[in-house]
Amino acid sequence: MDFKNIESVASFSEEKMKKNSFFNSERLFYDAYCLRPGQAQKVHAHEGSDKVYFVLRGTGLFTVGEESRELGEGNAVIARAGEPHGVANESGGDLVLLVTMAPPPAH
């Protein structure tokens, strides 16, 4: 069984949002995104992939398409393939997201 503990994988960077890989395959990726206050992931899109953000800790301002909404712990939001999306931590605390994307984007 391949398992990981969030606390042993998730870490922050003082310079920018940090992506921490949990599991990756040809069919999906599952990451922890860690954002300090003031950090953000710019709005972008993936033409062939859906992405789900799940707020594990903190509060983030999520943009999907033309809508932006603040979401806190226990909430999830999906950006379907081709929809512009991003997240910003405009709060005073850390933000930890579990992020699933399928299929993984081509690099």
N, C-alpha and C. Protein backbone atom coordinates (compact mmCIF):
# COMPACT_ATOMS: atom_id res chain seq x y z
N MET A 1 0.85 -1.17 0.00
CA MET A 1 0.00 0.00 0.00
C MET A 1 0.89 1.24 0.00
N ASP A 2 0.61 2.15 -0.89
CA ASP A 2 1.36 3.40 -0.98
C ASP A 2 0.55 4.49 -0.28
N PHE A 3 1.03 4.98 0.87
CA PHE A 3 0.31 6.03 1.59
C PHE A 3 1.28 7.08 2.08
N LYS A 4 0.75 8.28 2.32
CA LYS A 4 1.56 9.39 2.83
C LYS A 4 0.75 10.19 3.83
N ASN A 5 1.43 10.83 4.74
CA ASN A 5 0.81 11.71 5.72
C ASN A 5 0.98 13.16 5.26
N ILE A 6 -0.08 13.93 5.31
CA ILE A 6 -0.05 15.31 4.83
C ILE A 6 1.05 16.12 5.51
N GLU A 7 1.23 15.94 6.80
CA GLU A 7 2.23 16.73 7.52
C GLU A 7 3.66 16.40 7.10
N SER A 8 3.88 15.19 6.61
CA SER A 8 5.23 14.83 6.20
C SER A 8 5.53 15.27 4.77
N VAL A 9 4.52 15.62 4.00
CA VAL A 9 4.70 16.00 2.60
C VAL A 9 4.56 17.50 2.38
N ALA A 10 3.59 18.11 3.02
CA ALA A 10 3.28 19.54 2.80
C ALA A 10 4.35 20.43 3.43
N SER A 11 4.86 21.37 2.63
CA SER A 11 5.80 22.36 3.14
C SER A 11 5.62 23.66 2.37
N PHE A 12 6.14 24.74 2.93
CA PHE A 12 5.97 26.08 2.38
C PHE A 12 7.28 26.62 1.85
N SER A 13 7.17 27.60 0.96
CA SER A 13 8.30 28.38 0.47
C SER A 13 8.00 29.84 0.79
N GLU A 14 8.99 30.57 1.22
CA GLU A 14 8.77 31.99 1.52
C GLU A 14 8.67 32.83 0.24
N GLU A 15 9.18 32.31 -0.89
CA GLU A 15 9.20 33.08 -2.14
C GLU A 15 7.89 33.01 -2.91
N LYS A 16 7.29 31.80 -2.99
CA LYS A 16 6.07 31.63 -3.80
C LYS A 16 5.33 30.38 -3.36
N MET A 17 4.11 30.21 -3.88
CA MET A 17 3.32 29.03 -3.60
C MET A 17 4.17 27.79 -3.88
N LYS A 18 4.06 26.80 -3.00
CA LYS A 18 4.83 25.57 -3.20
C LYS A 18 3.90 24.41 -3.49
N LYS A 19 4.22 23.69 -4.56
CA LYS A 19 3.49 22.47 -4.92
C LYS A 19 4.26 21.28 -4.36
N ASN A 20 3.57 20.47 -3.57
CA ASN A 20 4.16 19.28 -2.96
C ASN A 20 3.45 18.05 -3.53
N SER A 21 4.18 17.18 -4.17
CA SER A 21 3.58 16.01 -4.81
C SER A 21 3.29 14.90 -3.81
N PHE A 22 2.07 14.38 -3.88
CA PHE A 22 1.69 13.20 -3.10
C PHE A 22 1.76 11.97 -3.98
N PHE A 23 0.91 11.94 -4.99
CA PHE A 23 0.83 10.79 -5.89
C PHE A 23 0.71 11.30 -7.32
N ASN A 24 1.39 10.63 -8.23
CA ASN A 24 1.31 10.95 -9.65
C ASN A 24 1.22 9.67 -10.45
N SER A 25 0.43 9.71 -11.51
CA SER A 25 0.37 8.60 -12.45
C SER A 25 0.11 9.18 -13.83
N GLU A 26 -0.02 8.31 -14.80
CA GLU A 26 -0.35 8.77 -16.15
C GLU A 26 -1.76 9.33 -16.21
N ARG A 27 -2.59 9.03 -15.22
CA ARG A 27 -4.00 9.40 -15.25
C ARG A 27 -4.38 10.57 -14.34
N LEU A 28 -3.56 10.86 -13.33
CA LEU A 28 -3.89 11.97 -12.42
C LEU A 28 -2.66 12.40 -11.64
N PHE A 29 -2.79 13.61 -11.03
CA PHE A 29 -1.84 13.96 -9.98
C PHE A 29 -2.62 14.43 -8.77
N TYR A 30 -1.99 14.26 -7.60
CA TYR A 30 -2.59 14.62 -6.32
C TYR A 30 -1.50 15.33 -5.54
N ASP A 31 -1.68 16.64 -5.34
CA ASP A 31 -0.65 17.48 -4.72
C ASP A 31 -1.21 18.23 -3.52
N ALA A 32 -0.32 18.74 -2.70
CA ALA A 32 -0.67 19.73 -1.68
C ALA A 32 -0.04 21.05 -2.12
N TYR A 33 -0.87 22.07 -2.30
CA TYR A 33 -0.38 23.41 -2.60
C TYR A 33 -0.36 24.17 -1.28
N CYS A 34 0.76 24.79 -0.97
CA CYS A 34 0.92 25.52 0.29
C CYS A 34 1.23 26.98 -0.02
N LEU A 35 0.37 27.88 0.47
CA LEU A 35 0.51 29.30 0.20
C LEU A 35 0.58 30.09 1.50
N ARG A 36 1.62 30.88 1.64
CA ARG A 36 1.72 31.83 2.74
C ARG A 36 0.82 33.03 2.42
N PRO A 37 0.48 33.85 3.41
CA PRO A 37 -0.29 35.06 3.13
C PRO A 37 0.38 35.89 2.04
N GLY A 38 -0.44 36.35 1.08
CA GLY A 38 0.06 37.17 -0.02
C GLY A 38 0.50 36.38 -1.24
N GLN A 39 0.61 35.06 -1.14
CA GLN A 39 1.02 34.25 -2.29
C GLN A 39 -0.20 33.85 -3.11
N ALA A 40 0.03 33.56 -4.41
CA ALA A 40 -1.07 33.21 -5.29
C ALA A 40 -0.60 32.30 -6.42
N GLN A 41 -1.56 31.63 -7.00
CA GLN A 41 -1.37 30.92 -8.26
C GLN A 41 -2.14 31.72 -9.29
N LYS A 42 -1.44 32.26 -10.28
CA LYS A 42 -2.10 33.12 -11.25
C LYS A 42 -3.17 32.35 -12.01
N VAL A 43 -4.15 33.07 -12.50
CA VAL A 43 -5.24 32.48 -13.26
C VAL A 43 -4.67 31.93 -14.57
N HIS A 44 -5.01 30.68 -14.86
CA HIS A 44 -4.54 29.98 -16.05
C HIS A 44 -5.58 28.92 -16.40
N ALA A 45 -5.37 28.18 -17.47
CA ALA A 45 -6.32 27.14 -17.87
C ALA A 45 -5.56 25.93 -18.40
N HIS A 46 -6.21 24.78 -18.33
CA HIS A 46 -5.69 23.52 -18.88
C HIS A 46 -6.77 23.00 -19.82
N GLU A 47 -6.46 22.92 -21.08
CA GLU A 47 -7.47 22.56 -22.08
C GLU A 47 -8.00 21.14 -21.94
N GLY A 48 -7.19 20.22 -21.50
CA GLY A 48 -7.63 18.83 -21.48
C GLY A 48 -7.73 18.20 -20.11
N SER A 49 -7.75 19.03 -19.04
CA SER A 49 -7.73 18.47 -17.68
C SER A 49 -8.69 19.19 -16.76
N ASP A 50 -9.32 18.44 -15.87
CA ASP A 50 -10.12 19.00 -14.78
C ASP A 50 -9.25 19.08 -13.54
N LYS A 51 -9.47 20.14 -12.73
CA LYS A 51 -8.72 20.31 -11.48
C LYS A 51 -9.69 20.55 -10.34
N VAL A 52 -9.46 19.87 -9.22
CA VAL A 52 -10.26 20.08 -8.01
C VAL A 52 -9.33 20.59 -6.91
N TYR A 53 -9.73 21.71 -6.29
CA TYR A 53 -9.05 22.24 -5.12
C TYR A 53 -9.90 21.89 -3.89
N PHE A 54 -9.29 21.33 -2.85
CA PHE A 54 -9.95 21.07 -1.58
C PHE A 54 -9.19 21.83 -0.50
N VAL A 55 -9.89 22.67 0.26
CA VAL A 55 -9.24 23.48 1.29
C VAL A 55 -9.09 22.64 2.55
N LEU A 56 -7.85 22.30 2.85
CA LEU A 56 -7.55 21.52 4.04
C LEU A 56 -7.37 22.43 5.25
N ARG A 57 -6.67 23.56 5.05
CA ARG A 57 -6.40 24.48 6.16
C ARG A 57 -6.37 25.90 5.62
N GLY A 58 -7.04 26.82 6.31
CA GLY A 58 -7.01 28.22 5.94
C GLY A 58 -8.17 28.63 5.05
N THR A 59 -8.01 29.80 4.42
CA THR A 59 -9.02 30.37 3.55
C THR A 59 -8.35 30.92 2.31
N GLY A 60 -8.96 30.66 1.14
CA GLY A 60 -8.39 31.15 -0.11
C GLY A 60 -9.44 31.84 -0.96
N LEU A 61 -8.99 32.71 -1.83
CA LEU A 61 -9.86 33.37 -2.80
C LEU A 61 -9.66 32.64 -4.13
N PHE A 62 -10.68 31.89 -4.55
CA PHE A 62 -10.61 31.06 -5.75
C PHE A 62 -11.31 31.75 -6.91
N THR A 63 -10.70 31.69 -8.06
CA THR A 63 -11.30 32.18 -9.29
C THR A 63 -11.48 31.00 -10.23
N VAL A 64 -12.69 30.83 -10.72
CA VAL A 64 -13.00 29.83 -11.74
C VAL A 64 -13.91 30.52 -12.75
N GLY A 65 -13.45 30.58 -13.98
CA GLY A 65 -14.20 31.31 -15.00
C GLY A 65 -14.26 32.78 -14.64
N GLU A 66 -15.46 33.35 -14.65
CA GLU A 66 -15.66 34.76 -14.34
C GLU A 66 -15.97 35.01 -12.87
N GLU A 67 -16.06 33.95 -12.07
CA GLU A 67 -16.48 34.07 -10.67
C GLU A 67 -15.31 33.89 -9.71
N SER A 68 -15.30 34.70 -8.66
CA SER A 68 -14.33 34.56 -7.57
C SER A 68 -15.10 34.41 -6.27
N ARG A 69 -14.59 33.51 -5.40
CA ARG A 69 -15.26 33.26 -4.13
C ARG A 69 -14.24 32.85 -3.09
N GLU A 70 -14.43 33.34 -1.87
CA GLU A 70 -13.60 32.94 -0.75
C GLU A 70 -14.14 31.64 -0.18
N LEU A 71 -13.25 30.65 -0.03
CA LEU A 71 -13.63 29.34 0.51
C LEU A 71 -12.70 28.96 1.64
N GLY A 72 -13.28 28.36 2.68
CA GLY A 72 -12.51 27.94 3.82
C GLY A 72 -12.45 26.43 3.95
N GLU A 73 -11.91 25.99 5.06
CA GLU A 73 -11.67 24.57 5.34
C GLU A 73 -12.90 23.71 5.08
N GLY A 74 -12.66 22.58 4.43
CA GLY A 74 -13.73 21.64 4.16
C GLY A 74 -14.46 21.88 2.86
N ASN A 75 -14.14 22.94 2.13
CA ASN A 75 -14.79 23.25 0.86
C ASN A 75 -13.93 22.81 -0.31
N ALA A 76 -14.60 22.49 -1.41
CA ALA A 76 -13.90 22.09 -2.64
C ALA A 76 -14.52 22.84 -3.81
N VAL A 77 -13.72 23.05 -4.84
CA VAL A 77 -14.20 23.70 -6.06
C VAL A 77 -13.53 23.02 -7.25
N ILE A 78 -14.27 22.91 -8.36
CA ILE A 78 -13.72 22.28 -9.56
C ILE A 78 -13.58 23.32 -10.67
N ALA A 79 -12.48 23.22 -11.39
CA ALA A 79 -12.27 23.97 -12.63
C ALA A 79 -12.23 22.93 -13.73
N ARG A 80 -13.25 22.93 -14.55
CA ARG A 80 -13.33 21.94 -15.63
C ARG A 80 -12.37 22.32 -16.75
N ALA A 81 -12.03 21.36 -17.57
CA ALA A 81 -11.08 21.56 -18.66
C ALA A 81 -11.41 22.84 -19.44
N GLY A 82 -10.41 23.67 -19.64
CA GLY A 82 -10.56 24.90 -20.40
C GLY A 82 -11.00 26.10 -19.60
N GLU A 83 -11.49 25.91 -18.36
CA GLU A 83 -11.93 27.05 -17.54
C GLU A 83 -10.73 27.72 -16.89
N PRO A 84 -10.61 29.04 -17.01
CA PRO A 84 -9.56 29.75 -16.30
C PRO A 84 -9.76 29.59 -14.78
N HIS A 85 -8.66 29.40 -14.06
CA HIS A 85 -8.75 29.19 -12.62
C HIS A 85 -7.46 29.62 -11.94
N GLY A 86 -7.56 29.93 -10.66
CA GLY A 86 -6.41 30.28 -9.85
C GLY A 86 -6.85 30.48 -8.41
N VAL A 87 -5.88 30.71 -7.53
CA VAL A 87 -6.17 30.90 -6.11
C VAL A 87 -5.19 31.90 -5.52
N ALA A 88 -5.69 32.69 -4.57
CA ALA A 88 -4.85 33.65 -3.86
C ALA A 88 -5.10 33.52 -2.37
N ASN A 89 -4.04 33.66 -1.59
CA ASN A 89 -4.18 33.67 -0.13
C ASN A 89 -4.11 35.12 0.32
N GLU A 90 -5.28 35.70 0.50
CA GLU A 90 -5.38 37.09 0.95
C GLU A 90 -5.67 37.16 2.44
N SER A 91 -5.59 36.01 3.12
CA SER A 91 -5.86 35.97 4.56
C SER A 91 -4.57 36.24 5.34
N GLY A 92 -4.68 36.24 6.64
CA GLY A 92 -3.51 36.45 7.48
C GLY A 92 -2.83 35.17 7.91
N GLY A 93 -3.36 34.01 7.45
CA GLY A 93 -2.80 32.72 7.84
C GLY A 93 -2.39 31.88 6.65
N ASP A 94 -1.78 30.75 6.92
CA ASP A 94 -1.36 29.85 5.86
C ASP A 94 -2.56 29.16 5.23
N LEU A 95 -2.37 28.77 3.96
CA LEU A 95 -3.40 28.06 3.20
C LEU A 95 -2.80 26.76 2.68
N VAL A 96 -3.49 25.64 2.95
CA VAL A 96 -3.06 24.33 2.46
C VAL A 96 -4.22 23.73 1.67
N LEU A 97 -3.94 23.39 0.41
CA LEU A 97 -4.93 22.83 -0.49
C LEU A 97 -4.51 21.43 -0.94
N LEU A 98 -5.46 20.53 -1.04
CA LEU A 98 -5.23 19.27 -1.71
C LEU A 98 -5.76 19.46 -3.13
N VAL A 99 -4.93 19.16 -4.11
CA VAL A 99 -5.27 19.43 -5.50
C VAL A 99 -5.16 18.15 -6.32
N THR A 100 -6.25 17.82 -7.00
CA THR A 100 -6.28 16.66 -7.88
C THR A 100 -6.51 17.15 -9.30
N MET A 101 -5.78 16.59 -10.24
CA MET A 101 -5.94 16.97 -11.62
C MET A 101 -5.89 15.71 -12.48
N ALA A 102 -6.87 15.60 -13.38
CA ALA A 102 -6.93 14.43 -14.26
C ALA A 102 -7.43 14.84 -15.64
N PRO A 103 -6.80 14.36 -16.67
CA PRO A 103 -5.46 13.77 -16.63
C PRO A 103 -4.43 14.84 -16.33
N PRO A 104 -3.21 14.46 -15.94
CA PRO A 104 -2.17 15.48 -15.69
C PRO A 104 -1.92 16.30 -16.95
N PRO A 105 -1.60 17.56 -16.79
CA PRO A 105 -1.34 18.37 -17.99
C PRO A 105 -0.05 17.92 -18.69
N ALA A 106 -0.02 18.06 -19.98
CA ALA A 106 1.20 17.77 -20.74
C ALA A 106 2.17 18.91 -20.52
N HIS A 107 3.43 18.60 -20.31
CA HIS A 107 4.43 19.66 -20.05
C HIS A 107 5.23 19.95 -21.27
